[in-house]
Amino acid sequence: MNDKDDFTDWLIAREECIEMELDDEELKATRKLNGADKSTADEMFKELGYKKITEHEFTEPEYGETTELILYRLILYRDEVKRLNIKFWNDKSISKTCNYEVGYITMQELKAINEKVKELGWLDE
């Protein structure tokens, strides 16, 4: 094999990436998420451009006739560039929003979400 063959292989691989509309950062994140090394959910989200904004607990009154307070726990990841939010609530609900509208989840995001769900122990309950 020579340099010309190596360049041709590189060019073909690069064209395939362009056809799949993956930029270099997404490609790196995909390779890491599919790799043998296990990352934490926080690291996986960081690779995808998300920053962990908060792990916040707060109470609010329950709707209805009772005066009980409900404890809410929120874990928020945000991608400032794409204006995306992924939220984990203690009632085991997860949402992704883009400018306050529901957004689609990519496979890379789903892998990071699954890892976070494992870390939170939600699959054990």
N, C-alpha and C. Protein backbone atom coordinates (compact mmCIF):
# COMPACT_ATOMS: atom_id res chain seq x y z
N MET A 1 0.85 -1.17 0.00
CA MET A 1 0.00 0.00 0.00
C MET A 1 0.90 1.24 0.00
N ASN A 2 0.49 2.27 -0.75
CA ASN A 2 1.30 3.49 -0.82
C ASN A 2 0.50 4.69 -0.32
N ASP A 3 1.16 5.85 -0.36
CA ASP A 3 0.53 7.08 0.13
C ASP A 3 -0.73 7.42 -0.65
N LYS A 4 -0.71 7.12 -1.96
CA LYS A 4 -1.87 7.41 -2.80
C LYS A 4 -3.08 6.59 -2.34
N ASP A 5 -2.86 5.31 -2.03
CA ASP A 5 -3.95 4.46 -1.54
C ASP A 5 -4.47 4.96 -0.20
N ASP A 6 -3.56 5.35 0.69
CA ASP A 6 -3.96 5.88 1.99
C ASP A 6 -4.81 7.14 1.82
N PHE A 7 -4.37 8.03 0.92
CA PHE A 7 -5.12 9.25 0.67
C PHE A 7 -6.48 8.94 0.08
N THR A 8 -6.55 7.99 -0.85
CA THR A 8 -7.82 7.60 -1.45
C THR A 8 -8.78 7.06 -0.39
N ASP A 9 -8.26 6.19 0.49
CA ASP A 9 -9.10 5.65 1.57
C ASP A 9 -9.61 6.77 2.48
N TRP A 10 -8.72 7.71 2.79
CA TRP A 10 -9.11 8.83 3.64
C TRP A 10 -10.19 9.67 2.96
N LEU A 11 -10.01 9.93 1.67
CA LEU A 11 -10.95 10.75 0.94
C LEU A 11 -12.32 10.08 0.86
N ILE A 12 -12.35 8.78 0.61
CA ILE A 12 -13.61 8.04 0.57
C ILE A 12 -14.31 8.10 1.92
N ALA A 13 -13.55 7.86 2.99
CA ALA A 13 -14.12 7.92 4.33
C ALA A 13 -14.65 9.32 4.63
N ARG A 14 -13.91 10.32 4.22
CA ARG A 14 -14.33 11.71 4.44
C ARG A 14 -15.60 12.02 3.69
N GLU A 15 -15.71 11.57 2.43
CA GLU A 15 -16.92 11.80 1.64
C GLU A 15 -18.11 11.10 2.26
N GLU A 16 -17.90 9.90 2.79
CA GLU A 16 -18.99 9.20 3.45
C GLU A 16 -19.48 9.98 4.67
N CYS A 17 -18.56 10.56 5.41
CA CYS A 17 -18.95 11.37 6.56
C CYS A 17 -19.73 12.60 6.13
N ILE A 18 -19.30 13.21 5.04
CA ILE A 18 -20.02 14.39 4.55
C ILE A 18 -21.41 13.99 4.09
N GLU A 19 -21.52 12.85 3.40
CA GLU A 19 -22.83 12.39 2.95
C GLU A 19 -23.77 12.13 4.12
N MET A 20 -23.23 11.64 5.23
CA MET A 20 -24.05 11.37 6.41
C MET A 20 -24.31 12.65 7.19
N GLU A 21 -23.74 13.78 6.73
CA GLU A 21 -23.88 15.08 7.36
C GLU A 21 -23.39 15.07 8.81
N LEU A 22 -22.29 14.40 9.03
CA LEU A 22 -21.66 14.42 10.34
C LEU A 22 -20.48 15.36 10.29
N ASP A 23 -20.42 16.29 11.24
CA ASP A 23 -19.22 17.10 11.31
C ASP A 23 -18.19 16.37 12.16
N ASP A 24 -16.98 16.90 12.24
CA ASP A 24 -15.90 16.23 12.96
C ASP A 24 -16.23 15.99 14.43
N GLU A 25 -16.88 16.97 15.07
CA GLU A 25 -17.20 16.81 16.49
C GLU A 25 -18.22 15.70 16.70
N GLU A 26 -19.24 15.64 15.86
CA GLU A 26 -20.23 14.57 15.97
C GLU A 26 -19.59 13.21 15.70
N LEU A 27 -18.68 13.17 14.73
CA LEU A 27 -18.00 11.93 14.40
C LEU A 27 -17.16 11.46 15.58
N LYS A 28 -16.42 12.38 16.20
CA LYS A 28 -15.62 12.04 17.39
C LYS A 28 -16.51 11.53 18.52
N ALA A 29 -17.63 12.22 18.73
CA ALA A 29 -18.54 11.81 19.81
C ALA A 29 -19.13 10.44 19.53
N THR A 30 -19.48 10.18 18.28
CA THR A 30 -20.03 8.87 17.91
C THR A 30 -19.01 7.77 18.14
N ARG A 31 -17.76 8.02 17.72
CA ARG A 31 -16.71 7.01 17.93
C ARG A 31 -16.48 6.75 19.40
N LYS A 32 -16.47 7.80 20.22
CA LYS A 32 -16.25 7.61 21.65
C LYS A 32 -17.41 6.86 22.28
N LEU A 33 -18.65 7.22 21.90
CA LEU A 33 -19.82 6.57 22.48
C LEU A 33 -19.90 5.10 22.07
N ASN A 34 -19.39 4.77 20.90
CA ASN A 34 -19.42 3.38 20.43
C ASN A 34 -18.18 2.59 20.84
N GLY A 35 -17.21 3.28 21.45
CA GLY A 35 -15.95 2.65 21.81
C GLY A 35 -16.06 1.74 23.02
N ALA A 36 -14.96 1.07 23.30
CA ALA A 36 -14.93 0.14 24.41
C ALA A 36 -14.81 0.85 25.75
N ASP A 37 -14.24 2.05 25.75
CA ASP A 37 -14.09 2.75 27.02
C ASP A 37 -15.43 3.32 27.47
N LYS A 38 -15.73 3.10 28.74
CA LYS A 38 -17.00 3.56 29.30
C LYS A 38 -16.81 4.94 29.91
N SER A 39 -17.66 5.84 29.54
CA SER A 39 -17.64 7.18 30.08
C SER A 39 -18.85 7.36 30.99
N THR A 40 -18.77 8.34 31.86
CA THR A 40 -19.95 8.69 32.65
C THR A 40 -20.91 9.46 31.76
N ALA A 41 -22.14 9.56 32.19
CA ALA A 41 -23.13 10.30 31.43
C ALA A 41 -22.70 11.75 31.27
N ASP A 42 -22.15 12.34 32.33
CA ASP A 42 -21.70 13.73 32.24
C ASP A 42 -20.64 13.89 31.15
N GLU A 43 -19.71 12.95 31.06
CA GLU A 43 -18.67 13.00 30.02
C GLU A 43 -19.28 12.82 28.64
N MET A 44 -20.26 11.92 28.53
CA MET A 44 -20.90 11.67 27.24
C MET A 44 -21.65 12.92 26.77
N PHE A 45 -22.39 13.56 27.68
CA PHE A 45 -23.10 14.78 27.32
C PHE A 45 -22.11 15.88 26.93
N LYS A 46 -20.99 15.97 27.65
CA LYS A 46 -19.98 16.99 27.34
C LYS A 46 -19.42 16.78 25.93
N GLU A 47 -19.17 15.52 25.57
CA GLU A 47 -18.69 15.21 24.21
C GLU A 47 -19.68 15.66 23.14
N LEU A 48 -20.96 15.68 23.48
CA LEU A 48 -22.00 16.07 22.53
C LEU A 48 -22.27 17.57 22.53
N GLY A 49 -21.54 18.31 23.38
CA GLY A 49 -21.69 19.75 23.41
C GLY A 49 -22.59 20.27 24.53
N TYR A 50 -23.05 19.37 25.40
CA TYR A 50 -23.90 19.77 26.51
C TYR A 50 -23.06 20.08 27.75
N LYS A 51 -23.55 21.00 28.53
CA LYS A 51 -22.93 21.34 29.81
C LYS A 51 -23.94 21.07 30.91
N LYS A 52 -23.48 20.41 31.98
CA LYS A 52 -24.38 20.16 33.10
C LYS A 52 -24.58 21.49 33.82
N ILE A 53 -25.81 21.97 33.82
CA ILE A 53 -26.11 23.28 34.38
C ILE A 53 -26.42 23.18 35.87
N THR A 54 -27.23 22.21 36.23
CA THR A 54 -27.66 22.15 37.63
C THR A 54 -28.15 20.77 38.03
N GLU A 55 -28.02 20.50 39.30
CA GLU A 55 -28.76 19.44 39.99
C GLU A 55 -29.46 20.18 41.10
N HIS A 56 -30.74 20.40 40.95
CA HIS A 56 -31.47 21.31 41.82
C HIS A 56 -32.66 20.61 42.46
N GLU A 57 -32.87 20.87 43.74
CA GLU A 57 -34.05 20.37 44.45
C GLU A 57 -34.88 21.56 44.90
N PHE A 58 -36.20 21.44 44.76
CA PHE A 58 -37.09 22.49 45.24
C PHE A 58 -38.44 21.87 45.56
N THR A 59 -39.23 22.58 46.33
CA THR A 59 -40.57 22.10 46.70
C THR A 59 -41.61 23.07 46.18
N GLU A 60 -42.75 22.51 45.83
CA GLU A 60 -43.90 23.30 45.41
C GLU A 60 -45.15 22.67 46.00
N PRO A 61 -46.18 23.47 46.21
CA PRO A 61 -47.42 22.90 46.73
C PRO A 61 -48.05 21.96 45.72
N GLU A 62 -48.66 20.89 46.24
CA GLU A 62 -49.36 19.95 45.38
C GLU A 62 -50.66 20.59 44.93
N TYR A 63 -51.01 20.35 43.68
CA TYR A 63 -52.28 20.87 43.18
C TYR A 63 -53.43 20.13 43.84
N GLY A 64 -54.50 20.84 44.09
CA GLY A 64 -55.67 20.20 44.68
C GLY A 64 -55.97 20.79 46.04
N GLU A 65 -56.66 19.99 46.86
CA GLU A 65 -57.14 20.49 48.14
C GLU A 65 -56.12 20.36 49.27
N THR A 66 -55.07 19.57 49.10
CA THR A 66 -54.10 19.37 50.17
C THR A 66 -53.09 20.52 50.18
N THR A 67 -52.44 20.67 51.30
CA THR A 67 -51.41 21.71 51.43
C THR A 67 -50.01 21.09 51.49
N GLU A 68 -49.88 19.83 51.06
CA GLU A 68 -48.59 19.15 51.08
C GLU A 68 -47.65 19.75 50.04
N LEU A 69 -46.38 19.72 50.40
CA LEU A 69 -45.36 20.16 49.46
C LEU A 69 -44.74 18.95 48.77
N ILE A 70 -44.48 19.08 47.49
CA ILE A 70 -43.87 18.00 46.71
C ILE A 70 -42.41 18.37 46.45
N LEU A 71 -41.52 17.42 46.67
CA LEU A 71 -40.09 17.63 46.40
C LEU A 71 -39.81 17.29 44.94
N TYR A 72 -39.26 18.23 44.22
CA TYR A 72 -38.85 18.00 42.84
C TYR A 72 -37.33 18.03 42.78
N ARG A 73 -36.77 17.19 41.94
CA ARG A 73 -35.33 17.16 41.70
C ARG A 73 -35.12 17.26 40.19
N LEU A 74 -34.30 18.20 39.79
CA LEU A 74 -34.05 18.45 38.37
C LEU A 74 -32.56 18.35 38.09
N ILE A 75 -32.21 17.61 37.04
CA ILE A 75 -30.85 17.60 36.50
C ILE A 75 -30.97 18.14 35.09
N LEU A 76 -30.23 19.20 34.81
CA LEU A 76 -30.36 19.90 33.53
C LEU A 76 -29.03 19.93 32.79
N TYR A 77 -29.07 19.49 31.53
CA TYR A 77 -27.94 19.61 30.61
C TYR A 77 -28.34 20.57 29.51
N ARG A 78 -27.44 21.48 29.12
CA ARG A 78 -27.77 22.48 28.10
C ARG A 78 -26.65 22.59 27.07
N ASP A 79 -27.06 22.66 25.80
CA ASP A 79 -26.16 22.97 24.69
C ASP A 79 -26.47 24.41 24.31
N GLU A 80 -25.60 25.33 24.72
CA GLU A 80 -25.84 26.76 24.49
C GLU A 80 -25.84 27.12 23.01
N VAL A 81 -25.00 26.45 22.23
CA VAL A 81 -24.88 26.78 20.81
C VAL A 81 -26.16 26.41 20.06
N LYS A 82 -26.64 25.19 20.27
CA LYS A 82 -27.84 24.72 19.57
C LYS A 82 -29.12 25.06 20.32
N ARG A 83 -28.98 25.63 21.53
CA ARG A 83 -30.11 26.03 22.38
C ARG A 83 -31.00 24.84 22.73
N LEU A 84 -30.34 23.73 23.11
CA LEU A 84 -31.05 22.51 23.48
C LEU A 84 -30.94 22.27 24.98
N ASN A 85 -31.98 21.71 25.57
CA ASN A 85 -31.99 21.32 26.98
C ASN A 85 -32.44 19.88 27.09
N ILE A 86 -31.76 19.11 27.93
CA ILE A 86 -32.23 17.77 28.29
C ILE A 86 -32.40 17.78 29.80
N LYS A 87 -33.62 17.45 30.26
CA LYS A 87 -33.95 17.53 31.68
C LYS A 87 -34.34 16.16 32.21
N PHE A 88 -33.81 15.84 33.38
CA PHE A 88 -34.16 14.62 34.11
C PHE A 88 -34.89 15.05 35.38
N TRP A 89 -36.11 14.53 35.59
CA TRP A 89 -36.90 14.85 36.77
C TRP A 89 -36.98 13.63 37.68
N ASN A 90 -37.17 13.85 38.98
CA ASN A 90 -37.18 12.74 39.93
C ASN A 90 -38.39 11.82 39.77
N ASP A 91 -39.38 12.20 39.00
CA ASP A 91 -40.50 11.28 38.74
C ASP A 91 -40.19 10.37 37.55
N LYS A 92 -38.91 10.31 37.19
CA LYS A 92 -38.39 9.48 36.10
C LYS A 92 -38.87 9.92 34.72
N SER A 93 -39.13 11.21 34.59
CA SER A 93 -39.46 11.73 33.26
C SER A 93 -38.24 12.48 32.72
N ILE A 94 -38.11 12.43 31.41
CA ILE A 94 -36.97 13.05 30.71
C ILE A 94 -37.55 13.84 29.55
N SER A 95 -37.04 15.04 29.34
CA SER A 95 -37.51 15.83 28.20
C SER A 95 -36.33 16.49 27.50
N LYS A 96 -36.50 16.69 26.20
CA LYS A 96 -35.54 17.45 25.41
C LYS A 96 -36.31 18.58 24.75
N THR A 97 -35.83 19.78 24.95
CA THR A 97 -36.49 20.94 24.35
C THR A 97 -35.49 21.77 23.58
N CYS A 98 -36.02 22.44 22.57
CA CYS A 98 -35.24 23.38 21.76
C CYS A 98 -36.06 24.67 21.71
N ASN A 99 -35.57 25.70 22.39
CA ASN A 99 -36.33 26.96 22.48
C ASN A 99 -37.75 26.70 22.99
N TYR A 100 -37.86 25.88 24.01
CA TYR A 100 -39.11 25.55 24.69
C TYR A 100 -40.07 24.70 23.86
N GLU A 101 -39.61 24.15 22.76
CA GLU A 101 -40.40 23.21 21.97
C GLU A 101 -39.76 21.84 22.08
N VAL A 102 -40.56 20.79 21.98
CA VAL A 102 -40.04 19.43 22.07
C VAL A 102 -39.12 19.16 20.90
N GLY A 103 -37.99 18.49 21.18
CA GLY A 103 -37.03 18.18 20.14
C GLY A 103 -36.82 16.69 20.00
N TYR A 104 -36.27 16.29 18.88
CA TYR A 104 -35.95 14.89 18.63
C TYR A 104 -34.65 14.52 19.32
N ILE A 105 -34.51 13.26 19.68
CA ILE A 105 -33.31 12.76 20.35
C ILE A 105 -32.47 12.00 19.34
N THR A 106 -31.18 12.34 19.27
CA THR A 106 -30.27 11.62 18.39
C THR A 106 -29.84 10.31 19.07
N MET A 107 -29.25 9.42 18.31
CA MET A 107 -28.78 8.15 18.88
C MET A 107 -27.69 8.40 19.91
N GLN A 108 -26.81 9.38 19.67
CA GLN A 108 -25.75 9.69 20.62
C GLN A 108 -26.34 10.22 21.92
N GLU A 109 -27.36 11.08 21.81
CA GLU A 109 -28.03 11.59 23.01
C GLU A 109 -28.72 10.46 23.76
N LEU A 110 -29.34 9.55 23.01
CA LEU A 110 -30.02 8.42 23.64
C LEU A 110 -29.05 7.57 24.45
N LYS A 111 -27.86 7.36 23.91
CA LYS A 111 -26.86 6.58 24.65
C LYS A 111 -26.46 7.29 25.94
N ALA A 112 -26.28 8.60 25.88
CA ALA A 112 -25.94 9.37 27.08
C ALA A 112 -27.10 9.35 28.08
N ILE A 113 -28.33 9.45 27.57
CA ILE A 113 -29.51 9.40 28.43
C ILE A 113 -29.60 8.04 29.11
N ASN A 114 -29.39 6.97 28.35
CA ASN A 114 -29.43 5.63 28.93
C ASN A 114 -28.39 5.46 30.03
N GLU A 115 -27.20 6.01 29.81
CA GLU A 115 -26.14 5.93 30.83
C GLU A 115 -26.56 6.69 32.09
N LYS A 116 -27.18 7.86 31.92
CA LYS A 116 -27.63 8.64 33.08
C LYS A 116 -28.73 7.89 33.84
N VAL A 117 -29.63 7.27 33.11
CA VAL A 117 -30.69 6.49 33.74
C VAL A 117 -30.10 5.35 34.57
N LYS A 118 -29.07 4.69 34.05
CA LYS A 118 -28.38 3.64 34.81
C LYS A 118 -27.74 4.22 36.06
N GLU A 119 -27.05 5.36 35.91
CA GLU A 119 -26.38 5.98 37.05
C GLU A 119 -27.37 6.40 38.13
N LEU A 120 -28.55 6.84 37.73
CA LEU A 120 -29.57 7.25 38.69
C LEU A 120 -30.27 6.06 39.34
N GLY A 121 -30.04 4.87 38.81
CA GLY A 121 -30.65 3.66 39.37
C GLY A 121 -32.11 3.48 39.00
N TRP A 122 -32.55 4.18 37.97
CA TRP A 122 -33.95 4.09 37.59
C TRP A 122 -34.34 2.74 37.00
N LEU A 123 -33.38 2.02 36.46
CA LEU A 123 -33.67 0.69 35.89
C LEU A 123 -33.82 -0.37 36.98
N ASP A 124 -33.27 -0.10 38.16
CA ASP A 124 -33.32 -1.06 39.25
C ASP A 124 -34.64 -1.06 39.99
N GLU A 125 -35.41 0.00 39.84
CA GLU A 125 -36.66 0.14 40.60
C GLU A 125 -37.84 -0.42 39.87
